[in-house]
Amino acid sequence: MTKSTIVMEEVTDPEELASARGDDDRFERNSAWLQAHIPEVYSQHRGKCICVAGEELFVADTAAEVLAQARSAHPEDNGSTLLRYIPQKKMARIYADKWQVVNVR
């Protein structure tokens, strides 16, 4: 078993902080765009990977393809792109941590 080390650093460089704030702002705009268009995006692109960059939708069969499209069209959206896979079928899904699930009767 290997040990992993976690290192926390405080970032104080004004340029790096401004860049991170810009990434956060772009991500929030991309997220808001997706939320506003979810019904049509999910109904039209089942079984595909989608990416939102520059408040624009990109669709492809693989994550690598869709990221390449988005990065080509919006290189300024570095790290703030929104990537999703839309399952082929619409169904209820249960997300759980297997170690936290308890029997309820």
C-alpha atoms as a PDB file:
ATOM      1  CA  MET A   1       0.000   0.000   0.000  1.00  0.00           C
ATOM      2  CA  THR A   2       1.411   3.390  -0.946  1.00  0.00           C
ATOM      3  CA  LYS A   3       1.123   6.532   1.105  1.00  0.00           C
ATOM      4  CA  SER A   4      -0.068   9.686  -0.544  1.00  0.00           C
ATOM      5  CA  THR A   5       0.939  13.119   0.609  1.00  0.00           C
ATOM      6  CA  ILE A   6      -1.378  16.072   0.477  1.00  0.00           C
ATOM      7  CA  VAL A   7       0.229  19.484   0.210  1.00  0.00           C
ATOM      8  CA  MET A   8      -1.791  22.641   0.727  1.00  0.00           C
ATOM      9  CA  GLU A   9      -0.445  25.960  -0.428  1.00  0.00           C
ATOM     10  CA  GLU A  10      -1.794  29.459  -0.111  1.00  0.00           C
ATOM     11  CA  VAL A  11      -1.766  31.309  -3.422  1.00  0.00           C
ATOM     12  CA  THR A  12      -1.125  35.033  -3.075  1.00  0.00           C
ATOM     13  CA  ASP A  13       0.110  35.992  -6.534  1.00  0.00           C
ATOM     14  CA  PRO A  14      -2.391  38.611  -7.843  1.00  0.00           C
ATOM     15  CA  GLU A  15      -2.044  37.440 -11.462  1.00  0.00           C
ATOM     16  CA  GLU A  16      -2.677  33.809 -10.562  1.00  0.00           C
ATOM     17  CA  LEU A  17      -5.661  34.776  -8.401  1.00  0.00           C
ATOM     18  CA  ALA A  18      -7.125  36.928 -11.197  1.00  0.00           C
ATOM     19  CA  SER A  19      -6.692  34.056 -13.664  1.00  0.00           C
ATOM     20  CA  ALA A  20      -8.462  31.651 -11.290  1.00  0.00           C
ATOM     21  CA  ARG A  21     -11.319  34.127 -10.795  1.00  0.00           C
ATOM     22  CA  GLY A  22     -11.645  34.426 -14.580  1.00  0.00           C
ATOM     23  CA  ASP A  23     -11.821  30.620 -14.894  1.00  0.00           C
ATOM     24  CA  ASP A  24     -14.491  30.524 -12.172  1.00  0.00           C
ATOM     25  CA  ASP A  25     -16.533  33.231 -13.908  1.00  0.00           C
ATOM     26  CA  ARG A  26     -16.345  31.436 -17.275  1.00  0.00           C
ATOM     27  CA  PHE A  27     -17.323  28.132 -15.657  1.00  0.00           C
ATOM     28  CA  GLU A  28     -20.335  29.773 -13.978  1.00  0.00           C
ATOM     29  CA  ARG A  29     -21.468  31.268 -17.314  1.00  0.00           C
ATOM     30  CA  ASN A  30     -21.061  27.892 -19.054  1.00  0.00           C
ATOM     31  CA  SER A  31     -22.977  26.174 -16.253  1.00  0.00           C
ATOM     32  CA  ALA A  32     -25.794  28.745 -16.418  1.00  0.00           C
ATOM     33  CA  TRP A  33     -25.993  28.268 -20.200  1.00  0.00           C
ATOM     34  CA  LEU A  34     -26.305  24.493 -19.790  1.00  0.00           C
ATOM     35  CA  GLN A  35     -28.940  24.822 -17.061  1.00  0.00           C
ATOM     36  CA  ALA A  36     -30.989  27.091 -19.326  1.00  0.00           C
ATOM     37  CA  HIS A  37     -30.814  24.585 -22.208  1.00  0.00           C
ATOM     38  CA  ILE A  38     -30.910  21.214 -20.424  1.00  0.00           C
ATOM     39  CA  PRO A  39     -34.237  19.922 -21.817  1.00  0.00           C
ATOM     40  CA  GLU A  40     -33.263  20.277 -25.476  1.00  0.00           C
ATOM     41  CA  VAL A  41     -29.609  19.303 -24.975  1.00  0.00           C
ATOM     42  CA  TYR A  42     -30.425  16.095 -23.093  1.00  0.00           C
ATOM     43  CA  SER A  43     -33.295  15.089 -25.388  1.00  0.00           C
ATOM     44  CA  GLN A  44     -31.280  15.601 -28.600  1.00  0.00           C
ATOM     45  CA  HIS A  45     -27.882  14.192 -27.612  1.00  0.00           C
ATOM     46  CA  ARG A  46     -28.443  10.948 -25.684  1.00  0.00           C
ATOM     47  CA  GLY A  47     -25.445   8.593 -25.809  1.00  0.00           C
ATOM     48  CA  LYS A  48     -23.054  11.453 -26.623  1.00  0.00           C
ATOM     49  CA  CYS A  49     -20.464  13.516 -24.797  1.00  0.00           C
ATOM     50  CA  ILE A  50     -21.266  17.202 -24.559  1.00  0.00           C
ATOM     51  CA  CYS A  51     -19.107  20.146 -23.651  1.00  0.00           C
ATOM     52  CA  VAL A  52     -20.029  23.772 -23.053  1.00  0.00           C
ATOM     53  CA  ALA A  53     -17.312  26.352 -23.670  1.00  0.00           C
ATOM     54  CA  GLY A  54     -17.802  30.020 -24.383  1.00  0.00           C
ATOM     55  CA  GLU A  55     -21.514  29.440 -23.711  1.00  0.00           C
ATOM     56  CA  GLU A  56     -21.602  27.245 -26.829  1.00  0.00           C
ATOM     57  CA  LEU A  57     -22.502  23.549 -27.056  1.00  0.00           C
ATOM     58  CA  PHE A  58     -20.173  20.955 -28.590  1.00  0.00           C
ATOM     59  CA  VAL A  59     -21.187  17.316 -29.160  1.00  0.00           C
ATOM     60  CA  ALA A  60     -19.096  14.230 -30.025  1.00  0.00           C
ATOM     61  CA  ASP A  61     -18.886  10.494 -29.430  1.00  0.00           C
ATOM     62  CA  THR A  62     -15.908  10.703 -27.048  1.00  0.00           C
ATOM     63  CA  ALA A  63     -14.707  13.076 -24.369  1.00  0.00           C
ATOM     64  CA  ALA A  64     -11.413  13.608 -26.209  1.00  0.00           C
ATOM     65  CA  GLU A  65     -13.210  14.616 -29.415  1.00  0.00           C
ATOM     66  CA  VAL A  66     -15.592  17.029 -27.746  1.00  0.00           C
ATOM     67  CA  LEU A  67     -12.819  18.640 -25.672  1.00  0.00           C
ATOM     68  CA  ALA A  68     -10.720  19.122 -28.799  1.00  0.00           C
ATOM     69  CA  GLN A  69     -13.657  20.867 -30.516  1.00  0.00           C
ATOM     70  CA  ALA A  70     -14.295  23.122 -27.527  1.00  0.00           C
ATOM     71  CA  ARG A  71     -10.634  24.001 -26.974  1.00  0.00           C
ATOM     72  CA  SER A  72     -10.171  24.772 -30.663  1.00  0.00           C
ATOM     73  CA  ALA A  73     -13.138  27.145 -30.713  1.00  0.00           C
ATOM     74  CA  HIS A  74     -12.542  28.681 -27.258  1.00  0.00           C
ATOM     75  CA  PRO A  75      -8.894  28.426 -26.170  1.00  0.00           C
ATOM     76  CA  GLU A  76      -9.527  31.103 -23.520  1.00  0.00           C
ATOM     77  CA  ASP A  77     -11.855  28.688 -21.697  1.00  0.00           C
ATOM     78  CA  ASN A  78      -8.906  26.767 -20.262  1.00  0.00           C
ATOM     79  CA  GLY A  79     -10.099  24.569 -17.433  1.00  0.00           C
ATOM     80  CA  SER A  80     -13.525  26.183 -17.283  1.00  0.00           C
ATOM     81  CA  THR A  81     -15.239  23.990 -19.874  1.00  0.00           C
ATOM     82  CA  LEU A  82     -18.157  21.877 -18.750  1.00  0.00           C
ATOM     83  CA  LEU A  83     -18.036  18.230 -19.861  1.00  0.00           C
ATOM     84  CA  ARG A  84     -20.841  15.654 -19.515  1.00  0.00           C
ATOM     85  CA  TYR A  85     -21.812  12.263 -20.885  1.00  0.00           C
ATOM     86  CA  ILE A  86     -25.548  11.954 -21.478  1.00  0.00           C
ATOM     87  CA  PRO A  87     -26.666   8.368 -20.875  1.00  0.00           C
ATOM     88  CA  GLN A  88     -28.424   6.613 -23.756  1.00  0.00           C
ATOM     89  CA  LYS A  89     -31.578   5.957 -21.753  1.00  0.00           C
ATOM     90  CA  LYS A  90     -33.391   8.230 -19.341  1.00  0.00           C
ATOM     91  CA  MET A  91     -33.859   6.394 -16.039  1.00  0.00           C
ATOM     92  CA  ALA A  92     -33.660   6.848 -12.312  1.00  0.00           C
ATOM     93  CA  ARG A  93     -30.116   6.551 -11.023  1.00  0.00           C
ATOM     94  CA  ILE A  94     -28.868   6.017  -7.490  1.00  0.00           C
ATOM     95  CA  TYR A  95     -25.510   7.451  -6.547  1.00  0.00           C
ATOM     96  CA  ALA A  96     -24.082   6.153  -3.290  1.00  0.00           C
ATOM     97  CA  ASP A  97     -20.788   5.540  -1.552  1.00  0.00           C
ATOM     98  CA  LYS A  98     -20.701   1.792  -0.952  1.00  0.00           C
ATOM     99  CA  TRP A  99     -19.130   2.292   2.459  1.00  0.00           C
ATOM    100  CA  GLN A 100     -21.843   4.697   3.610  1.00  0.00           C
ATOM    101  CA  VAL A 101     -24.923   2.712   2.565  1.00  0.00           C
ATOM    102  CA  VAL A 102     -26.912   1.324   5.500  1.00  0.00           C
ATOM    103  CA  ASN A 103     -29.797  -1.102   5.645  1.00  0.00           C
ATOM    104  CA  VAL A 104     -33.037   0.719   6.436  1.00  0.00           C
ATOM    105  CA  ARG A 105     -36.060  -1.333   7.510  1.00  0.00           C
END
